[in-house]
């Protein structure tokens, strides 16, 4: 059981640390609204990954190319929409306005949508972690449960760490916050266009 738990912890850390649209969205929301309101969004993968895991295990290692293309395009468009929102927030940034009145539930849902439209979790669960989970479950359900528990506890803690680190950066002052918010908008645009490129260029 410990072997599966350690594997889950290792892959959970890798999933949280890997730069992507979800991580960039969490950073931009932290800079704009503070870590307190963004922290619950770290639980977004728990909401979105259930259907992803079920679908990935169903078609294990046989993800149709058209589905991957569709997810790249849909995810790219949604990330561009969020990037435009981050750009507007950067452009209209006012030091006299108190930001952060958006309900935390909205952050969780937006983050969950980003994760659901990102092809990486589907590929990750179908090609990497899915086979480990299935192998452990075949031995005994306790192995599978230990793997998935280690994975999500580590991933959520990793995402929380990212939010807290950039929450500290936000405390350096509104000017630094403004600059970092602009950088996060550029990063979101980059991820969005990159996903569109993958969807349209790679048949």
N, C-alpha and C. Protein backbone atom coordinates (compact mmCIF):
# COMPACT_ATOMS: atom_id res chain seq x y z
N UNK A 1 0.83 -1.21 0.00
CA UNK A 1 0.00 0.00 0.00
C UNK A 1 0.86 1.26 0.00
N UNK A 2 1.99 1.20 0.74
CA UNK A 2 2.85 2.38 0.82
C UNK A 2 3.43 2.73 -0.54
N UNK A 3 3.69 1.73 -1.36
CA UNK A 3 4.23 1.99 -2.69
C UNK A 3 3.25 2.82 -3.51
N UNK A 4 1.97 2.48 -3.46
CA UNK A 4 0.96 3.22 -4.22
C UNK A 4 0.74 4.61 -3.63
N UNK A 5 0.81 4.71 -2.30
CA UNK A 5 0.67 6.02 -1.66
C UNK A 5 1.81 6.95 -2.08
N UNK A 6 3.04 6.42 -2.08
CA UNK A 6 4.19 7.23 -2.47
C UNK A 6 4.12 7.63 -3.94
N UNK A 7 3.65 6.72 -4.77
CA UNK A 7 3.47 7.07 -6.19
C UNK A 7 2.43 8.18 -6.34
N UNK A 8 1.35 8.07 -5.60
CA UNK A 8 0.32 9.11 -5.66
C UNK A 8 0.86 10.45 -5.23
N UNK A 9 1.66 10.48 -4.16
CA UNK A 9 2.25 11.73 -3.69
C UNK A 9 3.18 12.31 -4.74
N UNK A 10 4.00 11.46 -5.35
CA UNK A 10 4.94 11.94 -6.37
C UNK A 10 4.24 12.51 -7.58
N UNK A 11 3.25 11.80 -8.10
CA UNK A 11 2.52 12.29 -9.27
C UNK A 11 1.65 13.50 -8.94
N UNK A 12 1.14 13.55 -7.71
CA UNK A 12 0.36 14.72 -7.30
C UNK A 12 1.21 15.97 -7.25
N UNK A 13 2.44 15.82 -6.75
CA UNK A 13 3.37 16.96 -6.72
C UNK A 13 3.70 17.41 -8.14
N UNK A 14 3.93 16.45 -9.04
CA UNK A 14 4.26 16.80 -10.43
C UNK A 14 3.09 17.51 -11.10
N UNK A 15 1.87 17.05 -10.84
CA UNK A 15 0.69 17.67 -11.46
C UNK A 15 0.48 19.10 -10.97
N UNK A 16 0.76 19.35 -9.69
CA UNK A 16 0.59 20.70 -9.14
C UNK A 16 1.68 21.64 -9.61
N UNK A 17 2.90 21.12 -9.74
CA UNK A 17 4.05 21.97 -10.07
C UNK A 17 4.15 22.28 -11.55
N UNK A 18 3.52 21.46 -12.39
CA UNK A 18 3.62 21.66 -13.84
C UNK A 18 2.85 22.92 -14.25
N UNK A 19 3.51 23.89 -14.90
CA UNK A 19 2.82 25.11 -15.33
C UNK A 19 1.70 24.79 -16.31
N UNK A 20 0.59 25.44 -16.16
CA UNK A 20 -0.54 25.22 -17.04
C UNK A 20 -1.61 26.28 -16.83
N UNK A 21 -2.71 26.18 -17.59
CA UNK A 21 -3.79 27.18 -17.49
C UNK A 21 -4.38 27.29 -16.09
N UNK A 22 -4.55 26.15 -15.39
CA UNK A 22 -5.14 26.19 -14.06
C UNK A 22 -4.24 26.94 -13.09
N UNK A 23 -2.96 26.62 -13.10
CA UNK A 23 -2.03 27.29 -12.20
C UNK A 23 -1.97 28.79 -12.49
N UNK A 24 -1.95 29.15 -13.78
CA UNK A 24 -1.89 30.56 -14.16
C UNK A 24 -3.16 31.30 -13.74
N UNK A 25 -4.30 30.64 -13.88
CA UNK A 25 -5.56 31.25 -13.44
C UNK A 25 -5.55 31.49 -11.93
N UNK A 26 -5.08 30.51 -11.17
CA UNK A 26 -5.02 30.67 -9.72
C UNK A 26 -4.10 31.83 -9.34
N UNK A 27 -2.99 31.97 -10.05
CA UNK A 27 -2.06 33.07 -9.76
C UNK A 27 -2.72 34.42 -10.04
N UNK A 28 -3.40 34.53 -11.20
CA UNK A 28 -4.03 35.81 -11.56
C UNK A 28 -5.13 36.17 -10.57
N UNK A 29 -5.91 35.18 -10.13
CA UNK A 29 -6.97 35.45 -9.16
C UNK A 29 -6.40 35.83 -7.80
N UNK A 30 -5.28 35.21 -7.44
CA UNK A 30 -4.63 35.56 -6.17
C UNK A 30 -4.15 37.01 -6.19
N UNK A 31 -3.54 37.41 -7.29
CA UNK A 31 -3.03 38.77 -7.41
C UNK A 31 -4.16 39.79 -7.41
N UNK A 32 -5.29 39.40 -7.99
CA UNK A 32 -6.40 40.34 -8.10
C UNK A 32 -7.27 40.37 -6.84
N UNK A 33 -7.52 39.21 -6.24
CA UNK A 33 -8.52 39.12 -5.18
C UNK A 33 -7.97 38.69 -3.82
N UNK A 34 -6.69 38.29 -3.80
CA UNK A 34 -6.10 37.87 -2.54
C UNK A 34 -6.16 36.37 -2.35
N UNK A 35 -5.27 35.87 -1.49
CA UNK A 35 -5.19 34.42 -1.31
C UNK A 35 -6.38 33.85 -0.57
N UNK A 36 -7.01 34.66 0.30
CA UNK A 36 -8.13 34.13 1.08
C UNK A 36 -9.28 33.71 0.19
N UNK A 37 -9.58 34.53 -0.83
CA UNK A 37 -10.71 34.23 -1.70
C UNK A 37 -10.35 33.23 -2.79
N UNK A 38 -9.07 33.10 -3.08
CA UNK A 38 -8.64 32.19 -4.14
C UNK A 38 -8.35 30.79 -3.61
N UNK A 39 -8.01 30.67 -2.33
CA UNK A 39 -7.58 29.39 -1.77
C UNK A 39 -8.58 28.25 -2.02
N UNK A 40 -9.90 28.47 -1.88
CA UNK A 40 -10.83 27.36 -2.13
C UNK A 40 -10.74 26.81 -3.55
N UNK A 41 -10.28 27.63 -4.51
CA UNK A 41 -10.18 27.16 -5.90
C UNK A 41 -9.15 26.06 -6.06
N UNK A 42 -8.28 25.87 -5.07
CA UNK A 42 -7.31 24.78 -5.13
C UNK A 42 -8.00 23.42 -5.13
N UNK A 43 -9.27 23.38 -4.69
CA UNK A 43 -10.02 22.13 -4.66
C UNK A 43 -10.72 21.85 -5.98
N UNK A 44 -10.53 22.70 -6.98
CA UNK A 44 -11.22 22.54 -8.27
C UNK A 44 -10.98 21.17 -8.91
N UNK A 45 -9.74 20.62 -8.87
CA UNK A 45 -9.55 19.30 -9.48
C UNK A 45 -10.42 18.20 -8.88
N UNK A 46 -10.77 18.33 -7.60
CA UNK A 46 -11.64 17.33 -6.99
C UNK A 46 -13.01 17.35 -7.66
N UNK A 47 -13.45 18.54 -8.10
CA UNK A 47 -14.75 18.67 -8.75
C UNK A 47 -14.69 18.17 -10.19
N UNK A 48 -13.65 18.57 -10.90
CA UNK A 48 -13.59 18.31 -12.34
C UNK A 48 -13.01 16.94 -12.70
N UNK A 49 -12.20 16.36 -11.83
CA UNK A 49 -11.46 15.16 -12.22
C UNK A 49 -12.26 13.87 -12.18
N UNK A 50 -13.39 13.87 -11.47
CA UNK A 50 -14.19 12.64 -11.42
C UNK A 50 -14.57 12.14 -12.80
N UNK A 51 -15.27 12.97 -13.60
CA UNK A 51 -15.59 12.54 -14.98
C UNK A 51 -14.36 12.29 -15.83
N UNK A 52 -13.29 13.08 -15.59
CA UNK A 52 -12.06 12.90 -16.37
C UNK A 52 -11.47 11.52 -16.12
N UNK A 53 -11.40 11.13 -14.83
CA UNK A 53 -10.84 9.82 -14.49
C UNK A 53 -11.70 8.71 -15.07
N UNK A 54 -13.02 8.84 -14.93
CA UNK A 54 -13.92 7.80 -15.44
C UNK A 54 -13.77 7.64 -16.95
N UNK A 55 -13.73 8.77 -17.67
CA UNK A 55 -13.60 8.72 -19.12
C UNK A 55 -12.24 8.17 -19.53
N UNK A 56 -11.21 8.62 -18.83
CA UNK A 56 -9.85 8.19 -19.18
C UNK A 56 -9.66 6.70 -18.94
N UNK A 57 -10.19 6.19 -17.84
CA UNK A 57 -10.07 4.76 -17.57
C UNK A 57 -10.90 3.94 -18.55
N UNK A 58 -12.00 4.51 -19.01
CA UNK A 58 -12.86 3.81 -19.96
C UNK A 58 -12.16 3.62 -21.30
N UNK A 59 -11.42 4.63 -21.71
CA UNK A 59 -10.74 4.58 -23.00
C UNK A 59 -9.23 4.56 -22.80
N UNK A 60 -8.81 3.87 -21.77
CA UNK A 60 -7.42 3.86 -21.33
C UNK A 60 -6.44 3.66 -22.49
N UNK A 61 -5.55 4.64 -22.59
CA UNK A 61 -4.48 4.63 -23.60
C UNK A 61 -5.00 4.69 -25.04
N UNK A 62 -6.27 5.01 -25.24
CA UNK A 62 -6.83 5.05 -26.59
C UNK A 62 -7.65 6.32 -26.78
N UNK A 63 -7.09 7.46 -26.37
CA UNK A 63 -7.78 8.73 -26.51
C UNK A 63 -7.90 9.08 -27.99
N UNK A 64 -9.11 9.23 -28.53
CA UNK A 64 -9.27 9.55 -29.95
C UNK A 64 -8.65 10.91 -30.28
N UNK A 65 -7.97 11.02 -31.41
CA UNK A 65 -7.34 12.30 -31.78
C UNK A 65 -8.34 13.45 -31.86
N UNK A 66 -9.56 13.15 -32.34
CA UNK A 66 -10.54 14.23 -32.49
C UNK A 66 -10.96 14.79 -31.14
N UNK A 67 -10.99 13.92 -30.11
CA UNK A 67 -11.37 14.39 -28.78
C UNK A 67 -10.28 15.28 -28.21
N UNK A 68 -9.03 14.90 -28.41
CA UNK A 68 -7.92 15.72 -27.94
C UNK A 68 -7.91 17.07 -28.65
N UNK A 69 -8.19 17.07 -29.97
CA UNK A 69 -8.24 18.33 -30.71
C UNK A 69 -9.36 19.23 -30.19
N UNK A 70 -10.53 18.63 -29.99
CA UNK A 70 -11.67 19.41 -29.50
C UNK A 70 -11.37 20.04 -28.14
N UNK A 71 -10.74 19.28 -27.26
CA UNK A 71 -10.43 19.79 -25.93
C UNK A 71 -9.39 20.91 -26.00
N UNK A 72 -8.42 20.77 -26.89
CA UNK A 72 -7.44 21.84 -27.07
C UNK A 72 -8.13 23.13 -27.51
N UNK A 73 -9.02 23.03 -28.49
CA UNK A 73 -9.68 24.21 -29.04
C UNK A 73 -10.63 24.83 -28.01
N UNK A 74 -11.48 23.98 -27.38
CA UNK A 74 -12.42 24.49 -26.38
C UNK A 74 -11.68 25.09 -25.20
N UNK A 75 -10.64 24.41 -24.74
CA UNK A 75 -9.86 24.92 -23.62
C UNK A 75 -9.15 26.21 -23.97
N UNK A 76 -8.61 26.28 -25.20
CA UNK A 76 -7.93 27.50 -25.64
C UNK A 76 -8.85 28.70 -25.67
N UNK A 77 -10.06 28.51 -26.19
CA UNK A 77 -11.03 29.61 -26.26
C UNK A 77 -11.42 30.08 -24.86
N UNK A 78 -11.62 29.12 -23.95
CA UNK A 78 -12.03 29.51 -22.60
C UNK A 78 -10.90 30.23 -21.88
N UNK A 79 -9.67 29.77 -22.06
CA UNK A 79 -8.54 30.42 -21.41
C UNK A 79 -8.34 31.82 -21.98
N UNK A 80 -8.57 32.00 -23.29
CA UNK A 80 -8.48 33.33 -23.88
C UNK A 80 -9.54 34.26 -23.30
N UNK A 81 -10.72 33.72 -23.05
CA UNK A 81 -11.78 34.51 -22.42
C UNK A 81 -11.35 34.98 -21.03
N UNK A 82 -10.74 34.08 -20.27
CA UNK A 82 -10.25 34.45 -18.95
C UNK A 82 -9.08 35.43 -19.05
N UNK A 83 -8.24 35.25 -20.07
CA UNK A 83 -7.11 36.15 -20.27
C UNK A 83 -7.60 37.57 -20.57
N UNK A 84 -8.66 37.67 -21.36
CA UNK A 84 -9.21 38.98 -21.67
C UNK A 84 -9.74 39.64 -20.40
N UNK A 85 -10.36 38.85 -19.53
CA UNK A 85 -10.84 39.38 -18.25
C UNK A 85 -9.68 39.86 -17.39
N UNK A 86 -8.58 39.10 -17.37
CA UNK A 86 -7.40 39.51 -16.61
C UNK A 86 -6.79 40.78 -17.20
N UNK A 87 -6.81 40.88 -18.53
CA UNK A 87 -6.27 42.08 -19.19
C UNK A 87 -7.11 43.31 -18.84
N UNK A 88 -8.44 43.15 -18.85
CA UNK A 88 -9.31 44.27 -18.49
C UNK A 88 -9.06 44.70 -17.04
N UNK A 89 -8.89 43.72 -16.16
CA UNK A 89 -8.60 44.04 -14.76
C UNK A 89 -7.28 44.80 -14.64
N UNK A 90 -6.29 44.39 -15.43
CA UNK A 90 -4.99 45.07 -15.42
C UNK A 90 -5.13 46.49 -15.97
N UNK A 91 -5.86 46.64 -17.07
CA UNK A 91 -6.00 47.94 -17.71
C UNK A 91 -6.78 48.91 -16.85
N UNK A 92 -7.80 48.41 -16.16
CA UNK A 92 -8.67 49.27 -15.36
C UNK A 92 -8.27 49.29 -13.89
N UNK A 93 -7.07 48.79 -13.61
CA UNK A 93 -6.61 48.69 -12.22
C UNK A 93 -6.59 50.07 -11.58
N UNK A 94 -7.23 50.17 -10.42
CA UNK A 94 -7.32 51.44 -9.70
C UNK A 94 -6.91 51.19 -8.25
N UNK A 95 -5.90 51.92 -7.81
CA UNK A 95 -5.38 51.71 -6.45
C UNK A 95 -6.38 52.08 -5.38
N UNK A 96 -7.41 52.85 -5.75
CA UNK A 96 -8.38 53.30 -4.75
C UNK A 96 -9.57 52.35 -4.62
N UNK A 97 -9.62 51.35 -5.51
CA UNK A 97 -10.75 50.42 -5.49
C UNK A 97 -10.38 49.19 -4.70
N UNK A 98 -11.31 48.72 -3.90
CA UNK A 98 -11.09 47.50 -3.15
C UNK A 98 -11.54 46.31 -4.00
N UNK A 99 -10.57 45.45 -4.36
CA UNK A 99 -10.87 44.28 -5.16
C UNK A 99 -11.15 43.08 -4.25
N UNK A 100 -11.72 42.05 -4.88
CA UNK A 100 -11.86 40.79 -4.17
C UNK A 100 -13.25 40.51 -3.64
N UNK A 101 -14.29 41.07 -4.29
CA UNK A 101 -15.64 40.84 -3.79
C UNK A 101 -16.35 39.67 -4.48
N UNK A 102 -15.65 39.02 -5.41
CA UNK A 102 -16.25 37.87 -6.08
C UNK A 102 -16.36 36.70 -5.11
N UNK A 103 -17.49 36.00 -5.16
CA UNK A 103 -17.69 34.87 -4.26
C UNK A 103 -16.68 33.78 -4.55
N UNK A 104 -16.11 33.15 -3.50
CA UNK A 104 -15.14 32.07 -3.69
C UNK A 104 -15.69 30.93 -4.53
N UNK A 105 -17.03 30.67 -4.46
CA UNK A 105 -17.61 29.59 -5.23
C UNK A 105 -17.42 29.80 -6.73
N UNK A 106 -17.45 31.08 -7.18
CA UNK A 106 -17.25 31.36 -8.59
C UNK A 106 -15.83 31.02 -9.01
N UNK A 107 -14.86 31.30 -8.14
CA UNK A 107 -13.48 30.94 -8.44
C UNK A 107 -13.33 29.43 -8.60
N UNK A 108 -13.97 28.67 -7.70
CA UNK A 108 -13.87 27.21 -7.78
C UNK A 108 -14.46 26.70 -9.08
N UNK A 109 -15.64 27.21 -9.47
CA UNK A 109 -16.28 26.73 -10.69
C UNK A 109 -15.48 27.10 -11.93
N UNK A 110 -14.95 28.32 -11.98
CA UNK A 110 -14.13 28.72 -13.13
C UNK A 110 -12.88 27.86 -13.22
N UNK A 111 -12.24 27.62 -12.09
CA UNK A 111 -11.04 26.79 -12.09
C UNK A 111 -11.37 25.36 -12.51
N UNK A 112 -12.53 24.86 -12.08
CA UNK A 112 -12.94 23.51 -12.46
C UNK A 112 -13.19 23.41 -13.96
N UNK A 113 -13.79 24.45 -14.55
CA UNK A 113 -14.03 24.46 -15.99
C UNK A 113 -12.71 24.46 -16.75
N UNK A 114 -11.75 25.28 -16.29
CA UNK A 114 -10.43 25.31 -16.93
C UNK A 114 -9.80 23.93 -16.91
N UNK A 115 -9.87 23.27 -15.78
CA UNK A 115 -9.27 21.94 -15.66
C UNK A 115 -9.99 20.92 -16.52
N UNK A 116 -11.33 21.03 -16.61
CA UNK A 116 -12.10 20.08 -17.41
C UNK A 116 -11.85 20.24 -18.90
N UNK A 117 -11.51 21.47 -19.33
CA UNK A 117 -11.26 21.74 -20.75
C UNK A 117 -9.79 21.62 -21.12
N UNK A 118 -8.96 21.28 -20.16
CA UNK A 118 -7.54 21.12 -20.42
C UNK A 118 -7.25 19.66 -20.79
N UNK A 119 -6.68 19.40 -21.95
CA UNK A 119 -6.43 18.00 -22.36
C UNK A 119 -5.43 17.26 -21.46
N UNK A 120 -4.57 18.01 -20.78
CA UNK A 120 -3.50 17.35 -20.01
C UNK A 120 -4.02 16.36 -18.97
N UNK A 121 -5.07 16.71 -18.17
CA UNK A 121 -5.56 15.71 -17.20
C UNK A 121 -6.06 14.43 -17.86
N UNK A 122 -6.71 14.56 -19.04
CA UNK A 122 -7.20 13.36 -19.73
C UNK A 122 -6.03 12.47 -20.16
N UNK A 123 -5.02 13.11 -20.75
CA UNK A 123 -3.85 12.36 -21.20
C UNK A 123 -3.12 11.77 -19.99
N UNK A 124 -2.99 12.58 -18.94
CA UNK A 124 -2.28 12.15 -17.73
C UNK A 124 -2.94 10.93 -17.12
N UNK A 125 -4.29 10.97 -17.01
CA UNK A 125 -4.99 9.87 -16.36
C UNK A 125 -5.12 8.65 -17.26
N UNK A 126 -5.12 8.85 -18.56
CA UNK A 126 -5.26 7.70 -19.45
C UNK A 126 -3.93 6.99 -19.69
N UNK A 127 -2.82 7.74 -19.69
CA UNK A 127 -1.54 7.16 -20.05
C UNK A 127 -0.60 6.93 -18.86
N UNK A 128 -0.75 7.70 -17.78
CA UNK A 128 0.22 7.64 -16.69
C UNK A 128 -0.42 7.10 -15.40
N UNK A 129 -1.27 7.91 -14.79
CA UNK A 129 -1.80 7.54 -13.48
C UNK A 129 -2.94 6.53 -13.54
N UNK A 130 -3.68 6.53 -14.66
CA UNK A 130 -4.79 5.58 -14.79
C UNK A 130 -4.35 4.13 -14.67
N UNK A 131 -3.32 3.72 -15.42
CA UNK A 131 -2.86 2.32 -15.29
C UNK A 131 -2.40 1.97 -13.88
N UNK A 132 -1.77 2.91 -13.18
CA UNK A 132 -1.33 2.64 -11.80
C UNK A 132 -2.53 2.43 -10.90
N UNK A 133 -3.54 3.30 -11.06
CA UNK A 133 -4.76 3.18 -10.26
C UNK A 133 -5.45 1.85 -10.51
N UNK A 134 -5.56 1.46 -11.78
CA UNK A 134 -6.23 0.20 -12.11
C UNK A 134 -5.45 -0.99 -11.59
N UNK A 135 -4.13 -0.94 -11.69
CA UNK A 135 -3.30 -2.04 -11.21
C UNK A 135 -3.46 -2.21 -9.70
N UNK A 136 -3.43 -1.08 -8.97
CA UNK A 136 -3.60 -1.15 -7.53
C UNK A 136 -4.98 -1.66 -7.14
N UNK A 137 -6.01 -1.19 -7.86
CA UNK A 137 -7.38 -1.61 -7.55
C UNK A 137 -7.58 -3.10 -7.78
N UNK A 138 -6.90 -3.64 -8.82
CA UNK A 138 -7.02 -5.08 -9.09
C UNK A 138 -6.44 -5.91 -7.94
N UNK A 139 -5.36 -5.42 -7.33
CA UNK A 139 -4.78 -6.14 -6.19
C UNK A 139 -5.73 -6.07 -5.00
N UNK A 140 -6.11 -4.85 -4.66
CA UNK A 140 -7.08 -4.63 -3.58
C UNK A 140 -7.53 -3.17 -3.66
N UNK A 141 -8.81 -2.88 -3.41
CA UNK A 141 -9.26 -1.50 -3.47
C UNK A 141 -8.48 -0.55 -2.57
N UNK A 142 -7.93 -1.08 -1.48
CA UNK A 142 -7.16 -0.21 -0.57
C UNK A 142 -5.95 0.39 -1.27
N UNK A 143 -5.32 -0.36 -2.18
CA UNK A 143 -4.18 0.17 -2.92
C UNK A 143 -4.60 1.33 -3.83
N UNK A 144 -5.72 1.12 -4.52
CA UNK A 144 -6.22 2.19 -5.39
C UNK A 144 -6.59 3.43 -4.61
N UNK A 145 -7.25 3.23 -3.47
CA UNK A 145 -7.65 4.36 -2.63
C UNK A 145 -6.43 5.10 -2.09
N UNK A 146 -5.40 4.36 -1.69
CA UNK A 146 -4.20 5.01 -1.16
C UNK A 146 -3.51 5.82 -2.24
N UNK A 147 -3.49 5.32 -3.47
CA UNK A 147 -2.87 6.05 -4.57
C UNK A 147 -3.60 7.36 -4.85
N UNK A 148 -4.92 7.28 -5.00
CA UNK A 148 -5.68 8.47 -5.36
C UNK A 148 -5.74 9.46 -4.20
N UNK A 149 -5.71 8.97 -2.96
CA UNK A 149 -5.67 9.86 -1.80
C UNK A 149 -4.36 10.63 -1.75
N UNK A 150 -3.25 9.91 -1.92
CA UNK A 150 -1.96 10.58 -1.93
C UNK A 150 -1.85 11.60 -3.05
N UNK A 151 -2.41 11.24 -4.20
CA UNK A 151 -2.35 12.13 -5.37
C UNK A 151 -3.07 13.44 -5.10
N UNK A 152 -4.32 13.37 -4.64
CA UNK A 152 -5.11 14.59 -4.51
C UNK A 152 -4.73 15.42 -3.29
N UNK A 153 -4.35 14.79 -2.21
CA UNK A 153 -3.89 15.57 -1.06
C UNK A 153 -2.65 16.38 -1.45
N UNK A 154 -1.72 15.73 -2.14
CA UNK A 154 -0.48 16.43 -2.54
C UNK A 154 -0.77 17.50 -3.58
N UNK A 155 -1.63 17.20 -4.55
CA UNK A 155 -1.93 18.18 -5.60
C UNK A 155 -2.61 19.41 -5.01
N UNK A 156 -3.58 19.21 -4.13
CA UNK A 156 -4.29 20.34 -3.52
C UNK A 156 -3.34 21.16 -2.67
N UNK A 157 -2.49 20.50 -1.87
CA UNK A 157 -1.52 21.23 -1.06
C UNK A 157 -0.54 22.00 -1.95
N UNK A 158 -0.17 21.41 -3.09
CA UNK A 158 0.73 22.10 -4.02
C UNK A 158 0.09 23.34 -4.60
N UNK A 159 -1.18 23.24 -5.01
CA UNK A 159 -1.89 24.40 -5.56
C UNK A 159 -2.08 25.47 -4.48
N UNK A 160 -2.35 25.04 -3.26
CA UNK A 160 -2.47 26.00 -2.15
C UNK A 160 -1.15 26.73 -1.93
N UNK A 161 -0.05 26.01 -2.05
CA UNK A 161 1.26 26.64 -1.87
C UNK A 161 1.51 27.72 -2.91
N UNK A 162 1.11 27.44 -4.16
CA UNK A 162 1.25 28.44 -5.23
C UNK A 162 0.44 29.69 -4.89
N UNK A 163 -0.80 29.47 -4.43
CA UNK A 163 -1.67 30.60 -4.09
C UNK A 163 -1.07 31.41 -2.95
N UNK A 164 -0.56 30.74 -1.93
CA UNK A 164 0.00 31.45 -0.77
C UNK A 164 1.27 32.22 -1.15
N UNK A 165 2.11 31.63 -1.99
CA UNK A 165 3.34 32.32 -2.41
C UNK A 165 3.01 33.61 -3.15
N UNK A 166 2.07 33.54 -4.09
CA UNK A 166 1.72 34.75 -4.83
C UNK A 166 0.84 35.68 -4.00
N UNK A 167 0.19 35.12 -2.97
CA UNK A 167 -0.52 35.98 -2.04
C UNK A 167 0.45 36.84 -1.26
N UNK A 168 1.62 36.29 -0.91
CA UNK A 168 2.65 37.07 -0.24
C UNK A 168 3.22 38.13 -1.18
N UNK A 169 3.38 37.77 -2.45
CA UNK A 169 3.88 38.74 -3.43
C UNK A 169 2.91 39.91 -3.56
N UNK A 170 1.63 39.62 -3.40
CA UNK A 170 0.62 40.67 -3.51
C UNK A 170 0.77 41.72 -2.41
N UNK A 171 1.34 41.30 -1.27
CA UNK A 171 1.48 42.21 -0.14
C UNK A 171 2.58 43.25 -0.33
N UNK A 172 3.40 43.08 -1.37
CA UNK A 172 4.49 44.03 -1.59
C UNK A 172 4.00 45.39 -2.06
N UNK A 173 2.73 45.48 -2.40
CA UNK A 173 2.18 46.77 -2.78
C UNK A 173 1.40 46.70 -4.07
N UNK A 174 0.51 47.67 -4.30
CA UNK A 174 -0.36 47.66 -5.48
C UNK A 174 0.39 47.76 -6.80
N UNK A 175 1.54 48.44 -6.82
CA UNK A 175 2.29 48.56 -8.07
C UNK A 175 2.84 47.20 -8.51
N UNK A 176 3.39 46.47 -7.55
CA UNK A 176 3.89 45.13 -7.85
C UNK A 176 2.73 44.23 -8.26
N UNK A 177 1.62 44.36 -7.55
CA UNK A 177 0.42 43.59 -7.87
C UNK A 177 -0.03 43.86 -9.29
N UNK A 178 0.00 45.14 -9.70
CA UNK A 178 -0.41 45.54 -11.04
C UNK A 178 0.48 44.89 -12.10
N UNK A 179 1.78 44.93 -11.87
CA UNK A 179 2.73 44.35 -12.83
C UNK A 179 2.53 42.84 -12.93
N UNK A 180 2.42 42.16 -11.78
CA UNK A 180 2.25 40.72 -11.79
C UNK A 180 0.93 40.31 -12.44
N UNK A 181 -0.10 41.11 -12.23
CA UNK A 181 -1.40 40.83 -12.86
C UNK A 181 -1.28 40.91 -14.37
N UNK A 182 -0.52 41.92 -14.87
CA UNK A 182 -0.28 42.03 -16.30
C UNK A 182 0.47 40.82 -16.84
N UNK A 183 1.46 40.36 -16.08
CA UNK A 183 2.23 39.17 -16.50
C UNK A 183 1.33 37.94 -16.55
N UNK A 184 0.45 37.81 -15.57
CA UNK A 184 -0.45 36.65 -15.55
C UNK A 184 -1.41 36.69 -16.74
N UNK A 185 -1.85 37.90 -17.14
CA UNK A 185 -2.72 38.03 -18.31
C UNK A 185 -1.99 37.58 -19.57
N UNK A 186 -0.73 38.00 -19.70
CA UNK A 186 0.08 37.57 -20.85
C UNK A 186 0.25 36.06 -20.86
N UNK A 187 0.49 35.48 -19.67
CA UNK A 187 0.66 34.03 -19.58
C UNK A 187 -0.62 33.30 -19.98
N UNK A 188 -1.77 33.81 -19.53
CA UNK A 188 -3.05 33.20 -19.90
C UNK A 188 -3.28 33.27 -21.41
N UNK A 189 -2.99 34.44 -22.01
CA UNK A 189 -3.11 34.57 -23.47
C UNK A 189 -2.20 33.55 -24.15
N UNK A 190 -1.00 33.39 -23.64
CA UNK A 190 -0.04 32.45 -24.24
C UNK A 190 -0.56 31.02 -24.18
N UNK A 191 -1.08 30.62 -23.01
CA UNK A 191 -1.62 29.27 -22.88
C UNK A 191 -2.83 29.08 -23.79
N UNK A 192 -3.67 30.10 -23.89
CA UNK A 192 -4.84 30.00 -24.74
C UNK A 192 -4.48 29.82 -26.20
N UNK A 193 -3.58 30.65 -26.70
CA UNK A 193 -3.17 30.53 -28.10
C UNK A 193 -2.42 29.23 -28.36
N UNK A 194 -1.64 28.80 -27.37
CA UNK A 194 -0.91 27.55 -27.53
C UNK A 194 -1.88 26.36 -27.65
N UNK A 195 -2.92 26.35 -26.83
CA UNK A 195 -3.90 25.27 -26.92
C UNK A 195 -4.64 25.32 -28.25
N UNK A 196 -4.96 26.52 -28.74
CA UNK A 196 -5.60 26.63 -30.05
C UNK A 196 -4.67 26.11 -31.14
N UNK A 197 -3.41 26.46 -31.02
CA UNK A 197 -2.42 26.00 -32.00
C UNK A 197 -2.35 24.47 -32.01
N UNK A 198 -2.35 23.86 -30.82
CA UNK A 198 -2.32 22.40 -30.75
C UNK A 198 -3.58 21.80 -31.35
N UNK A 199 -4.73 22.48 -31.17
CA UNK A 199 -5.98 21.94 -31.68
C UNK A 199 -6.12 22.04 -33.19
N UNK A 200 -5.61 23.14 -33.78
CA UNK A 200 -5.78 23.36 -35.20
C UNK A 200 -4.63 22.82 -36.06
N UNK A 201 -3.41 22.88 -35.49
CA UNK A 201 -2.23 22.50 -36.29
C UNK A 201 -1.98 21.00 -36.23
N UNK A 202 -2.20 20.40 -35.04
CA UNK A 202 -1.94 18.96 -34.92
C UNK A 202 -3.19 18.17 -35.23
N UNK A 203 -3.25 17.53 -36.38
CA UNK A 203 -4.46 16.76 -36.76
C UNK A 203 -4.58 15.48 -35.93
